[in-house]
Each structure stands twice: as structure tokens, then as C-alpha cells.
Amino acid sequence: EAYLTAFVANLVSAAVRAVPLGQTEGQRAIRDLAPLISAVAAD
């Protein structure tokens, strides 16, 4: 789960710079993906 969380956080950080997105929007994306990260890790 930690590996997948770091993977997502890094891609969100890239999007914050490239889109660009605000830092708050980036954090919301990480928050919204947290349940899926847990599910994928468990599977």
C-alpha cells in the first residue's frame, strides 16, 4: 500500500506541474484515490 501511495503521489506531483493543477486539487486527487489504492494492494 505504501508503494502504490508513493506511486500515485509522484504522478499527482507531476500533474500539478504539467497541467498545471493547484496543490489543493492534487491533494484531493490523492485523497479520492486512497480507497482504490488499498483495494489494489489487497488484491
PDB file of all heavy atoms in Angstrom:
ATOM      1  N   GLU A   1       0.833  -1.209   0.000  1.00  0.00           N
ATOM      2  CA  GLU A   1       0.000   0.000   0.000  1.00  0.00           C
ATOM      3  C   GLU A   1       0.867   1.259   0.000  1.00  0.00           C
ATOM      4  O   GLU A   1       0.541   2.240  -0.681  1.00  0.00           O
ATOM      5  CB  GLU A   1      -0.941  -0.005   1.200  1.00  0.00           C
ATOM      6  CG  GLU A   1      -1.932   1.136   1.172  1.00  0.00           C
ATOM      7  CD  GLU A   1      -3.184   0.880   1.996  1.00  0.00           C
ATOM      8  OE1 GLU A   1      -3.347  -0.248   2.498  1.00  0.00           O
ATOM      9  OE2 GLU A   1      -3.998   1.803   2.118  1.00  0.00           O
ATOM     10  N   ALA A   2       1.964   1.230   0.743  1.00  0.00           N
ATOM     11  CA  ALA A   2       2.861   2.389   0.764  1.00  0.00           C
ATOM     12  C   ALA A   2       3.487   2.612  -0.612  1.00  0.00           C
ATOM     13  O   ALA A   2       3.622   3.754  -1.065  1.00  0.00           O
ATOM     14  CB  ALA A   2       3.948   2.195   1.814  1.00  0.00           C
ATOM     15  N   TYR A   3       3.864   1.523  -1.282  1.00  0.00           N
ATOM     16  CA  TYR A   3       4.455   1.645  -2.618  1.00  0.00           C
ATOM     17  C   TYR A   3       3.463   2.289  -3.585  1.00  0.00           C
ATOM     18  O   TYR A   3       3.814   3.213  -4.332  1.00  0.00           O
ATOM     19  CB  TYR A   3       4.875   0.263  -3.135  1.00  0.00           C
ATOM     20  CG  TYR A   3       5.398   0.281  -4.546  1.00  0.00           C
ATOM     21  CD1 TYR A   3       6.735   0.527  -4.807  1.00  0.00           C
ATOM     22  CD2 TYR A   3       4.534   0.090  -5.632  1.00  0.00           C
ATOM     23  CE1 TYR A   3       7.214   0.576  -6.118  1.00  0.00           C
ATOM     24  CE2 TYR A   3       4.999   0.136  -6.932  1.00  0.00           C
ATOM     25  CZ  TYR A   3       6.347   0.378  -7.174  1.00  0.00           C
ATOM     26  OH  TYR A   3       6.809   0.443  -8.465  1.00  0.00           O
ATOM     27  N   LEU A   4       2.220   1.824  -3.596  1.00  0.00           N
ATOM     28  CA  LEU A   4       1.222   2.373  -4.510  1.00  0.00           C
ATOM     29  C   LEU A   4       0.870   3.819  -4.155  1.00  0.00           C
ATOM     30  O   LEU A   4       0.641   4.640  -5.046  1.00  0.00           O
ATOM     31  CB  LEU A   4      -0.036   1.513  -4.498  1.00  0.00           C
ATOM     32  CG  LEU A   4       0.084   0.139  -5.155  1.00  0.00           C
ATOM     33  CD1 LEU A   4      -1.227  -0.625  -5.020  1.00  0.00           C
ATOM     34  CD2 LEU A   4       0.469   0.259  -6.631  1.00  0.00           C
ATOM     35  N   THR A   5       0.835   4.133  -2.883  1.00  0.00           N
ATOM     36  CA  THR A   5       0.561   5.511  -2.471  1.00  0.00           C
ATOM     37  C   THR A   5       1.653   6.446  -2.969  1.00  0.00           C
ATOM     38  O   THR A   5       1.371   7.538  -3.484  1.00  0.00           O
ATOM     39  CB  THR A   5       0.442   5.601  -0.942  1.00  0.00           C
ATOM     40  OG1 THR A   5      -0.633   4.766  -0.503  1.00  0.00           O
ATOM     41  CG2 THR A   5       0.177   7.033  -0.496  1.00  0.00           C
ATOM     42  N   ALA A   6       2.912   6.025  -2.841  1.00  0.00           N
ATOM     43  CA  ALA A   6       4.022   6.841  -3.326  1.00  0.00           C
ATOM     44  C   ALA A   6       3.983   6.974  -4.847  1.00  0.00           C
ATOM     45  O   ALA A   6       4.275   8.048  -5.394  1.00  0.00           O
ATOM     46  CB  ALA A   6       5.347   6.225  -2.881  1.00  0.00           C
ATOM     47  N   PHE A   7       3.616   5.896  -5.528  1.00  0.00           N
ATOM     48  CA  PHE A   7       3.496   5.917  -6.989  1.00  0.00           C
ATOM     49  C   PHE A   7       2.467   6.950  -7.426  1.00  0.00           C
ATOM     50  O   PHE A   7       2.723   7.788  -8.297  1.00  0.00           O
ATOM     51  CB  PHE A   7       3.110   4.516  -7.461  1.00  0.00           C
ATOM     52  CG  PHE A   7       2.769   4.394  -8.915  1.00  0.00           C
ATOM     53  CD1 PHE A   7       3.746   4.500  -9.890  1.00  0.00           C
ATOM     54  CD2 PHE A   7       1.461   4.136  -9.317  1.00  0.00           C
ATOM     55  CE1 PHE A   7       3.437   4.367 -11.237  1.00  0.00           C
ATOM     56  CE2 PHE A   7       1.138   4.011 -10.655  1.00  0.00           C
ATOM     57  CZ  PHE A   7       2.133   4.125 -11.626  1.00  0.00           C
ATOM     58  N   VAL A   8       1.288   6.925  -6.800  1.00  0.00           N
ATOM     59  CA  VAL A   8       0.235   7.875  -7.142  1.00  0.00           C
ATOM     60  C   VAL A   8       0.648   9.295  -6.775  1.00  0.00           C
ATOM     61  O   VAL A   8       0.443  10.236  -7.546  1.00  0.00           O
ATOM     62  CB  VAL A   8      -1.078   7.482  -6.440  1.00  0.00           C
ATOM     63  CG1 VAL A   8      -2.101   8.616  -6.501  1.00  0.00           C
ATOM     64  CG2 VAL A   8      -1.656   6.231  -7.081  1.00  0.00           C
ATOM     65  N   ALA A   9       1.233   9.471  -5.605  1.00  0.00           N
ATOM     66  CA  ALA A   9       1.630  10.807  -5.169  1.00  0.00           C
ATOM     67  C   ALA A   9       2.639  11.422  -6.132  1.00  0.00           C
ATOM     68  O   ALA A   9       2.581  12.628  -6.426  1.00  0.00           O
ATOM     69  CB  ALA A   9       2.211  10.752  -3.760  1.00  0.00           C
ATOM     70  N   ASN A  10       3.548  10.600  -6.656  1.00  0.00           N
ATOM     71  CA  ASN A  10       4.531  11.129  -7.599  1.00  0.00           C
ATOM     72  C   ASN A  10       3.871  11.566  -8.900  1.00  0.00           C
ATOM     73  O   ASN A  10       4.218  12.623  -9.458  1.00  0.00           O
ATOM     74  CB  ASN A  10       5.595  10.070  -7.899  1.00  0.00           C
ATOM     75  CG  ASN A  10       6.698  10.624  -8.774  1.00  0.00           C
ATOM     76  OD1 ASN A  10       7.450  11.492  -8.356  1.00  0.00           O
ATOM     77  ND2 ASN A  10       6.781  10.142 -10.010  1.00  0.00           N
ATOM     78  N   LEU A  11       2.906  10.800  -9.396  1.00  0.00           N
ATOM     79  CA  LEU A  11       2.232  11.177 -10.636  1.00  0.00           C
ATOM     80  C   LEU A  11       1.336  12.394 -10.430  1.00  0.00           C
ATOM     81  O   LEU A  11       1.213  13.237 -11.326  1.00  0.00           O
ATOM     82  CB  LEU A  11       1.437   9.997 -11.182  1.00  0.00           C
ATOM     83  CG  LEU A  11       2.278   8.801 -11.621  1.00  0.00           C
ATOM     84  CD1 LEU A  11       1.414   7.757 -12.307  1.00  0.00           C
ATOM     85  CD2 LEU A  11       3.408   9.228 -12.557  1.00  0.00           C
ATOM     86  N   VAL A  12       0.729  12.511  -9.276  1.00  0.00           N
ATOM     87  CA  VAL A  12      -0.051  13.714  -8.974  1.00  0.00           C
ATOM     88  C   VAL A  12       0.876  14.927  -8.925  1.00  0.00           C
ATOM     89  O   VAL A  12       0.539  15.998  -9.450  1.00  0.00           O
ATOM     90  CB  VAL A  12      -0.814  13.550  -7.646  1.00  0.00           C
ATOM     91  CG1 VAL A  12      -1.381  14.893  -7.178  1.00  0.00           C
ATOM     92  CG2 VAL A  12      -1.941  12.537  -7.815  1.00  0.00           C
ATOM     93  N   SER A  13       2.040  14.769  -8.338  1.00  0.00           N
ATOM     94  CA  SER A  13       3.010  15.867  -8.306  1.00  0.00           C
ATOM     95  C   SER A  13       3.417  16.283  -9.715  1.00  0.00           C
ATOM     96  O   SER A  13       3.550  17.477 -10.010  1.00  0.00           O
ATOM     97  CB  SER A  13       4.250  15.441  -7.512  1.00  0.00           C
ATOM     98  OG  SER A  13       5.230  16.449  -7.520  1.00  0.00           O
ATOM     99  N   ALA A  14       3.589  15.300 -10.601  1.00  0.00           N
ATOM    100  CA  ALA A  14       3.905  15.615 -11.996  1.00  0.00           C
ATOM    101  C   ALA A  14       2.766  16.387 -12.650  1.00  0.00           C
ATOM    102  O   ALA A  14       2.997  17.353 -13.392  1.00  0.00           O
ATOM    103  CB  ALA A  14       4.194  14.325 -12.771  1.00  0.00           C
ATOM    104  N   ALA A  15       1.531  15.984 -12.368  1.00  0.00           N
ATOM    105  CA  ALA A  15       0.371  16.668 -12.945  1.00  0.00           C
ATOM    106  C   ALA A  15       0.225  18.086 -12.418  1.00  0.00           C
ATOM    107  O   ALA A  15      -0.163  19.001 -13.157  1.00  0.00           O
ATOM    108  CB  ALA A  15      -0.895  15.868 -12.658  1.00  0.00           C
ATOM    109  N   VAL A  16       0.529  18.287 -11.134  1.00  0.00           N
ATOM    110  CA  VAL A  16       0.464  19.630 -10.555  1.00  0.00           C
ATOM    111  C   VAL A  16       1.376  20.578 -11.339  1.00  0.00           C
ATOM    112  O   VAL A  16       1.023  21.740 -11.588  1.00  0.00           O
ATOM    113  CB  VAL A  16       0.863  19.594  -9.062  1.00  0.00           C
ATOM    114  CG1 VAL A  16       1.137  20.994  -8.522  1.00  0.00           C
ATOM    115  CG2 VAL A  16      -0.240  18.930  -8.243  1.00  0.00           C
ATOM    116  N   ARG A  17       2.513  20.073 -11.792  1.00  0.00           N
ATOM    117  CA  ARG A  17       3.444  20.902 -12.563  1.00  0.00           C
ATOM    118  C   ARG A  17       3.069  20.978 -14.038  1.00  0.00           C
ATOM    119  O   ARG A  17       3.247  22.021 -14.670  1.00  0.00           O
ATOM    120  CB  ARG A  17       4.858  20.334 -12.426  1.00  0.00           C
ATOM    121  CG  ARG A  17       5.478  20.558 -11.053  1.00  0.00           C
ATOM    122  CD  ARG A  17       6.781  19.802 -10.895  1.00  0.00           C
ATOM    123  NE  ARG A  17       6.553  18.405 -10.560  1.00  0.00           N
ATOM    124  CZ  ARG A  17       7.485  17.458 -10.646  1.00  0.00           C
ATOM    125  NH1 ARG A  17       8.689  17.745 -11.093  1.00  0.00           N
ATOM    126  NH2 ARG A  17       7.184  16.211 -10.290  1.00  0.00           N
ATOM    127  N   ALA A  18       2.569  19.887 -14.595  1.00  0.00           N
ATOM    128  CA  ALA A  18       2.392  19.823 -16.048  1.00  0.00           C
ATOM    129  C   ALA A  18       1.043  20.323 -16.528  1.00  0.00           C
ATOM    130  O   ALA A  18       0.935  20.862 -17.638  1.00  0.00           O
ATOM    131  CB  ALA A  18       2.606  18.388 -16.538  1.00  0.00           C
ATOM    132  N   VAL A  19      -0.038  20.152 -15.766  1.00  0.00           N
ATOM    133  CA  VAL A  19      -1.370  20.518 -16.282  1.00  0.00           C
ATOM    134  C   VAL A  19      -1.518  22.022 -16.519  1.00  0.00           C
ATOM    135  O   VAL A  19      -1.888  22.417 -17.643  1.00  0.00           O
ATOM    136  CB  VAL A  19      -2.464  19.946 -15.376  1.00  0.00           C
ATOM    137  CG1 VAL A  19      -3.832  20.482 -15.782  1.00  0.00           C
ATOM    138  CG2 VAL A  19      -2.489  18.405 -15.451  1.00  0.00           C
ATOM    139  N   PRO A  20      -1.256  22.908 -15.526  1.00  0.00           N
ATOM    140  CA  PRO A  20      -0.947  22.656 -14.124  1.00  0.00           C
ATOM    141  C   PRO A  20      -2.215  22.585 -13.279  1.00  0.00           C
ATOM    142  O   PRO A  20      -3.266  23.067 -13.674  1.00  0.00           O
ATOM    143  CB  PRO A  20      -0.132  23.892 -13.726  1.00  0.00           C
ATOM    144  CG  PRO A  20      -0.719  24.986 -14.564  1.00  0.00           C
ATOM    145  CD  PRO A  20      -1.163  24.345 -15.870  1.00  0.00           C
ATOM    146  N   LEU A  21      -2.065  21.965 -12.094  1.00  0.00           N
ATOM    147  CA  LEU A  21      -3.137  21.913 -11.102  1.00  0.00           C
ATOM    148  C   LEU A  21      -2.681  22.640  -9.842  1.00  0.00           C
ATOM    149  O   LEU A  21      -1.483  22.761  -9.589  1.00  0.00           O
ATOM    150  CB  LEU A  21      -3.453  20.465 -10.714  1.00  0.00           C
ATOM    151  CG  LEU A  21      -4.068  19.540 -11.758  1.00  0.00           C
ATOM    152  CD1 LEU A  21      -4.208  18.158 -11.156  1.00  0.00           C
ATOM    153  CD2 LEU A  21      -5.405  20.056 -12.227  1.00  0.00           C
ATOM    154  N   GLY A  22      -3.618  23.075  -9.043  1.00  0.00           N
ATOM    155  CA  GLY A  22      -3.276  23.618  -7.741  1.00  0.00           C
ATOM    156  C   GLY A  22      -2.872  22.508  -6.792  1.00  0.00           C
ATOM    157  O   GLY A  22      -3.258  21.349  -6.955  1.00  0.00           O
ATOM    158  N   GLN A  23      -2.105  22.865  -5.786  1.00  0.00           N
ATOM    159  CA  GLN A  23      -1.682  21.872  -4.796  1.00  0.00           C
ATOM    160  C   GLN A  23      -2.884  21.245  -4.087  1.00  0.00           C
ATOM    161  O   GLN A  23      -2.887  20.041  -3.801  1.00  0.00           O
ATOM    162  CB  GLN A  23      -0.764  22.546  -3.760  1.00  0.00           C
ATOM    163  CG  GLN A  23       0.564  23.037  -4.319  1.00  0.00           C
ATOM    164  CD  GLN A  23       1.544  21.907  -4.578  1.00  0.00           C
ATOM    165  OE1 GLN A  23       1.325  20.768  -4.153  1.00  0.00           O
ATOM    166  NE2 GLN A  23       2.629  22.204  -5.252  1.00  0.00           N
ATOM    167  N   THR A  24      -3.901  22.050  -3.813  1.00  0.00           N
ATOM    168  CA  THR A  24      -5.086  21.514  -3.133  1.00  0.00           C
ATOM    169  C   THR A  24      -5.808  20.498  -4.003  1.00  0.00           C
ATOM    170  O   THR A  24      -6.238  19.440  -3.526  1.00  0.00           O
ATOM    171  CB  THR A  24      -6.041  22.655  -2.749  1.00  0.00           C
ATOM    172  OG1 THR A  24      -5.359  23.552  -1.869  1.00  0.00           O
ATOM    173  CG2 THR A  24      -7.289  22.116  -2.048  1.00  0.00           C
ATOM    174  N   GLU A  25      -5.940  20.786  -5.304  1.00  0.00           N
ATOM    175  CA  GLU A  25      -6.565  19.824  -6.211  1.00  0.00           C
ATOM    176  C   GLU A  25      -5.769  18.532  -6.266  1.00  0.00           C
ATOM    177  O   GLU A  25      -6.336  17.434  -6.327  1.00  0.00           O
ATOM    178  CB  GLU A  25      -6.696  20.426  -7.606  1.00  0.00           C
ATOM    179  CG  GLU A  25      -7.762  21.491  -7.733  1.00  0.00           C
ATOM    180  CD  GLU A  25      -7.889  21.972  -9.159  1.00  0.00           C
ATOM    181  OE1 GLU A  25      -6.877  22.475  -9.705  1.00  0.00           O
ATOM    182  OE2 GLU A  25      -8.979  21.840  -9.732  1.00  0.00           O
ATOM    183  N   GLY A  26      -4.457  18.656  -6.242  1.00  0.00           N
ATOM    184  CA  GLY A  26      -3.622  17.461  -6.242  1.00  0.00           C
ATOM    185  C   GLY A  26      -3.838  16.613  -5.009  1.00  0.00           C
ATOM    186  O   GLY A  26      -3.944  15.379  -5.099  1.00  0.00           O
ATOM    187  N   GLN A  27      -3.938  17.249  -3.859  1.00  0.00           N
ATOM    188  CA  GLN A  27      -4.175  16.507  -2.624  1.00  0.00           C
ATOM    189  C   GLN A  27      -5.551  15.847  -2.621  1.00  0.00           C
ATOM    190  O   GLN A  27      -5.713  14.739  -2.102  1.00  0.00           O
ATOM    191  CB  GLN A  27      -4.022  17.431  -1.424  1.00  0.00           C
ATOM    192  CG  GLN A  27      -2.584  17.830  -1.136  1.00  0.00           C
ATOM    193  CD  GLN A  27      -1.691  16.615  -0.896  1.00  0.00           C
ATOM    194  OE1 GLN A  27      -1.995  15.752  -0.071  1.00  0.00           O
ATOM    195  NE2 GLN A  27      -0.594  16.532  -1.628  1.00  0.00           N
ATOM    196  N   ARG A  28      -6.520  16.511  -3.211  1.00  0.00           N
ATOM    197  CA  ARG A  28      -7.856  15.897  -3.292  1.00  0.00           C
ATOM    198  C   ARG A  28      -7.823  14.654  -4.171  1.00  0.00           C
ATOM    199  O   ARG A  28      -8.513  13.666  -3.889  1.00  0.00           O
ATOM    200  CB  ARG A  28      -8.853  16.913  -3.837  1.00  0.00           C
ATOM    201  CG  ARG A  28      -9.246  17.996  -2.826  1.00  0.00           C
ATOM    202  CD  ARG A  28     -10.091  19.065  -3.476  1.00  0.00           C
ATOM    203  NE  ARG A  28     -10.485  20.100  -2.526  1.00  0.00           N
ATOM    204  CZ  ARG A  28     -10.772  21.344  -2.853  1.00  0.00           C
ATOM    205  NH1 ARG A  28     -10.724  21.728  -4.126  1.00  0.00           N
ATOM    206  NH2 ARG A  28     -11.125  22.223  -1.925  1.00  0.00           N
ATOM    207  N   ALA A  29      -7.026  14.701  -5.237  1.00  0.00           N
ATOM    208  CA  ALA A  29      -6.913  13.525  -6.101  1.00  0.00           C
ATOM    209  C   ALA A  29      -6.315  12.348  -5.331  1.00  0.00           C
ATOM    210  O   ALA A  29      -6.801  11.209  -5.426  1.00  0.00           O
ATOM    211  CB  ALA A  29      -6.061  13.856  -7.325  1.00  0.00           C
ATOM    212  N   ILE A  30      -5.268  12.607  -4.546  1.00  0.00           N
ATOM    213  CA  ILE A  30      -4.661  11.548  -3.735  1.00  0.00           C
ATOM    214  C   ILE A  30      -5.675  11.014  -2.724  1.00  0.00           C
ATOM    215  O   ILE A  30      -5.796   9.794  -2.530  1.00  0.00           O
ATOM    216  CB  ILE A  30      -3.398  12.067  -3.028  1.00  0.00           C
ATOM    217  CG1 ILE A  30      -2.323  12.434  -4.057  1.00  0.00           C
ATOM    218  CG2 ILE A  30      -2.859  11.026  -2.051  1.00  0.00           C
ATOM    219  CD1 ILE A  30      -1.117  13.132  -3.472  1.00  0.00           C
ATOM    220  N   ARG A  31      -6.411  11.919  -2.091  1.00  0.00           N
ATOM    221  CA  ARG A  31      -7.450  11.502  -1.132  1.00  0.00           C
ATOM    222  C   ARG A  31      -8.490  10.616  -1.803  1.00  0.00           C
ATOM    223  O   ARG A  31      -8.862   9.554  -1.267  1.00  0.00           O
ATOM    224  CB  ARG A  31      -8.126  12.750  -0.567  1.00  0.00           C
ATOM    225  CG  ARG A  31      -9.290  12.475   0.384  1.00  0.00           C
ATOM    226  CD  ARG A  31     -10.210  13.676   0.478  1.00  0.00           C
ATOM    227  NE  ARG A  31     -10.868  13.956  -0.804  1.00  0.00           N
ATOM    228  CZ  ARG A  31     -11.505  15.098  -1.087  1.00  0.00           C
ATOM    229  NH1 ARG A  31     -11.564  16.065  -0.195  1.00  0.00           N
ATOM    230  NH2 ARG A  31     -12.077  15.273  -2.278  1.00  0.00           N
ATOM    231  N   ASP A  32      -8.954  11.021  -2.979  1.00  0.00           N
ATOM    232  CA  ASP A  32     -10.016  10.274  -3.650  1.00  0.00           C
ATOM    233  C   ASP A  32      -9.540   8.901  -4.131  1.00  0.00           C
ATOM    234  O   ASP A  32     -10.342   7.973  -4.269  1.00  0.00           O
ATOM    235  CB  ASP A  32     -10.557  11.082  -4.827  1.00  0.00           C
ATOM    236  CG  ASP A  32     -11.309  12.334  -4.376  1.00  0.00           C
ATOM    237  OD1 ASP A  32     -11.660  12.423  -3.182  1.00  0.00           O
ATOM    238  OD2 ASP A  32     -11.517  13.234  -5.222  1.00  0.00           O
ATOM    239  N   LEU A  33      -8.230   8.774  -4.398  1.00  0.00           N
ATOM    240  CA  LEU A  33      -7.697   7.505  -4.887  1.00  0.00           C
ATOM    241  C   LEU A  33      -7.292   6.561  -3.756  1.00  0.00           C
ATOM    242  O   LEU A  33      -7.004   5.385  -4.018  1.00  0.00           O
ATOM    243  CB  LEU A  33      -6.486   7.772  -5.796  1.00  0.00           C
ATOM    244  CG  LEU A  33      -6.818   8.378  -7.157  1.00  0.00           C
ATOM    245  CD1 LEU A  33      -5.560   8.923  -7.812  1.00  0.00           C
ATOM    246  CD2 LEU A  33      -7.487   7.356  -8.065  1.00  0.00           C
ATOM    247  N   ALA A  34      -7.297   7.045  -2.520  1.00  0.00           N
ATOM    248  CA  ALA A  34      -6.833   6.215  -1.392  1.00  0.00           C
ATOM    249  C   ALA A  34      -7.607   4.898  -1.256  1.00  0.00           C
ATOM    250  O   ALA A  34      -6.981   3.840  -1.056  1.00  0.00           O
ATOM    251  CB  ALA A  34      -6.879   7.015  -0.099  1.00  0.00           C
ATOM    252  N   PRO A  35      -8.948   4.890  -1.343  1.00  0.00           N
ATOM    253  CA  PRO A  35      -9.645   3.601  -1.235  1.00  0.00           C
ATOM    254  C   PRO A  35      -9.264   2.612  -2.342  1.00  0.00           C
ATOM    255  O   PRO A  35      -9.152   1.402  -2.104  1.00  0.00           O
ATOM    256  CB  PRO A  35     -11.123   3.992  -1.320  1.00  0.00           C
ATOM    257  CG  PRO A  35     -11.168   5.426  -0.898  1.00  0.00           C
ATOM    258  CD  PRO A  35      -9.903   6.018  -1.417  1.00  0.00           C
ATOM    259  N   LEU A  36      -9.065   3.133  -3.549  1.00  0.00           N
ATOM    260  CA  LEU A  36      -8.674   2.256  -4.651  1.00  0.00           C
ATOM    261  C   LEU A  36      -7.264   1.716  -4.439  1.00  0.00           C
ATOM    262  O   LEU A  36      -6.992   0.542  -4.721  1.00  0.00           O
ATOM    263  CB  LEU A  36      -8.763   3.015  -5.980  1.00  0.00           C
ATOM    264  CG  LEU A  36      -8.345   2.237  -7.226  1.00  0.00           C
ATOM    265  CD1 LEU A  36      -9.191   0.975  -7.388  1.00  0.00           C
ATOM    266  CD2 LEU A  36      -8.467   3.118  -8.474  1.00  0.00           C
ATOM    267  N   ILE A  37      -6.367   2.549  -3.947  1.00  0.00           N
ATOM    268  CA  ILE A  37      -5.009   2.090  -3.639  1.00  0.00           C
ATOM    269  C   ILE A  37      -5.069   0.917  -2.663  1.00  0.00           C
ATOM    270  O   ILE A  37      -4.409  -0.112  -2.862  1.00  0.00           O
ATOM    271  CB  ILE A  37      -4.175   3.244  -3.061  1.00  0.00           C
ATOM    272  CG1 ILE A  37      -3.850   4.270  -4.153  1.00  0.00           C
ATOM    273  CG2 ILE A  37      -2.896   2.725  -2.421  1.00  0.00           C
ATOM    274  CD1 ILE A  37      -3.245   5.556  -3.625  1.00  0.00           C
ATOM    275  N   SER A  38      -5.871   1.055  -1.617  1.00  0.00           N
ATOM    276  CA  SER A  38      -5.994  -0.025  -0.627  1.00  0.00           C
ATOM    277  C   SER A  38      -6.552  -1.295  -1.259  1.00  0.00           C
ATOM    278  O   SER A  38      -6.079  -2.403  -0.976  1.00  0.00           O
ATOM    279  CB  SER A  38      -6.898   0.429   0.522  1.00  0.00           C
ATOM    280  OG  SER A  38      -6.331   1.522   1.215  1.00  0.00           O
ATOM    281  N   ALA A  39      -7.540  -1.142  -2.127  1.00  0.00           N
ATOM    282  CA  ALA A  39      -8.161  -2.304  -2.766  1.00  0.00           C
ATOM    283  C   ALA A  39      -7.193  -3.007  -3.705  1.00  0.00           C
ATOM    284  O   ALA A  39      -7.106  -4.244  -3.723  1.00  0.00           O
ATOM    285  CB  ALA A  39      -9.416  -1.884  -3.517  1.00  0.00           C
ATOM    286  N   VAL A  40      -6.449  -2.240  -4.498  1.00  0.00           N
ATOM    287  CA  VAL A  40      -5.490  -2.838  -5.434  1.00  0.00           C
ATOM    288  C   VAL A  40      -4.378  -3.547  -4.670  1.00  0.00           C
ATOM    289  O   VAL A  40      -3.954  -4.652  -5.045  1.00  0.00           O
ATOM    290  CB  VAL A  40      -4.915  -1.759  -6.378  1.00  0.00           C
ATOM    291  CG1 VAL A  40      -3.760  -2.312  -7.210  1.00  0.00           C
ATOM    292  CG2 VAL A  40      -6.007  -1.227  -7.297  1.00  0.00           C
ATOM    293  N   ALA A  41      -3.900  -2.932  -3.597  1.00  0.00           N
ATOM    294  CA  ALA A  41      -2.862  -3.569  -2.787  1.00  0.00           C
ATOM    295  C   ALA A  41      -3.366  -4.876  -2.181  1.00  0.00           C
ATOM    296  O   ALA A  41      -2.658  -5.888  -2.193  1.00  0.00           O
ATOM    297  CB  ALA A  41      -2.400  -2.609  -1.688  1.00  0.00           C
ATOM    298  N   ALA A  42      -4.588  -4.869  -1.674  1.00  0.00           N
ATOM    299  CA  ALA A  42      -5.147  -6.084  -1.082  1.00  0.00           C
ATOM    300  C   ALA A  42      -5.330  -7.184  -2.124  1.00  0.00           C
ATOM    301  O   ALA A  42      -5.027  -8.360  -1.868  1.00  0.00           O
ATOM    302  CB  ALA A  42      -6.484  -5.763  -0.412  1.00  0.00           C
ATOM    303  N   ASP A  43      -5.803  -6.821  -3.306  1.00  0.00           N
ATOM    304  CA  ASP A  43      -5.980  -7.813  -4.374  1.00  0.00           C
ATOM    305  C   ASP A  43      -4.639  -8.420  -4.787  1.00  0.00           C
ATOM    306  O   ASP A  43      -4.563  -9.614  -5.118  1.00  0.00           O
ATOM    307  CB  ASP A  43      -6.643  -7.170  -5.584  1.00  0.00           C
ATOM    308  CG  ASP A  43      -8.119  -6.865  -5.361  1.00  0.00           C
ATOM    309  OD1 ASP A  43      -8.691  -7.375  -4.370  1.00  0.00           O
ATOM    310  OD2 ASP A  43      -8.696  -6.108  -6.167  1.00  0.00           O
TER     311      ASP A  43
END
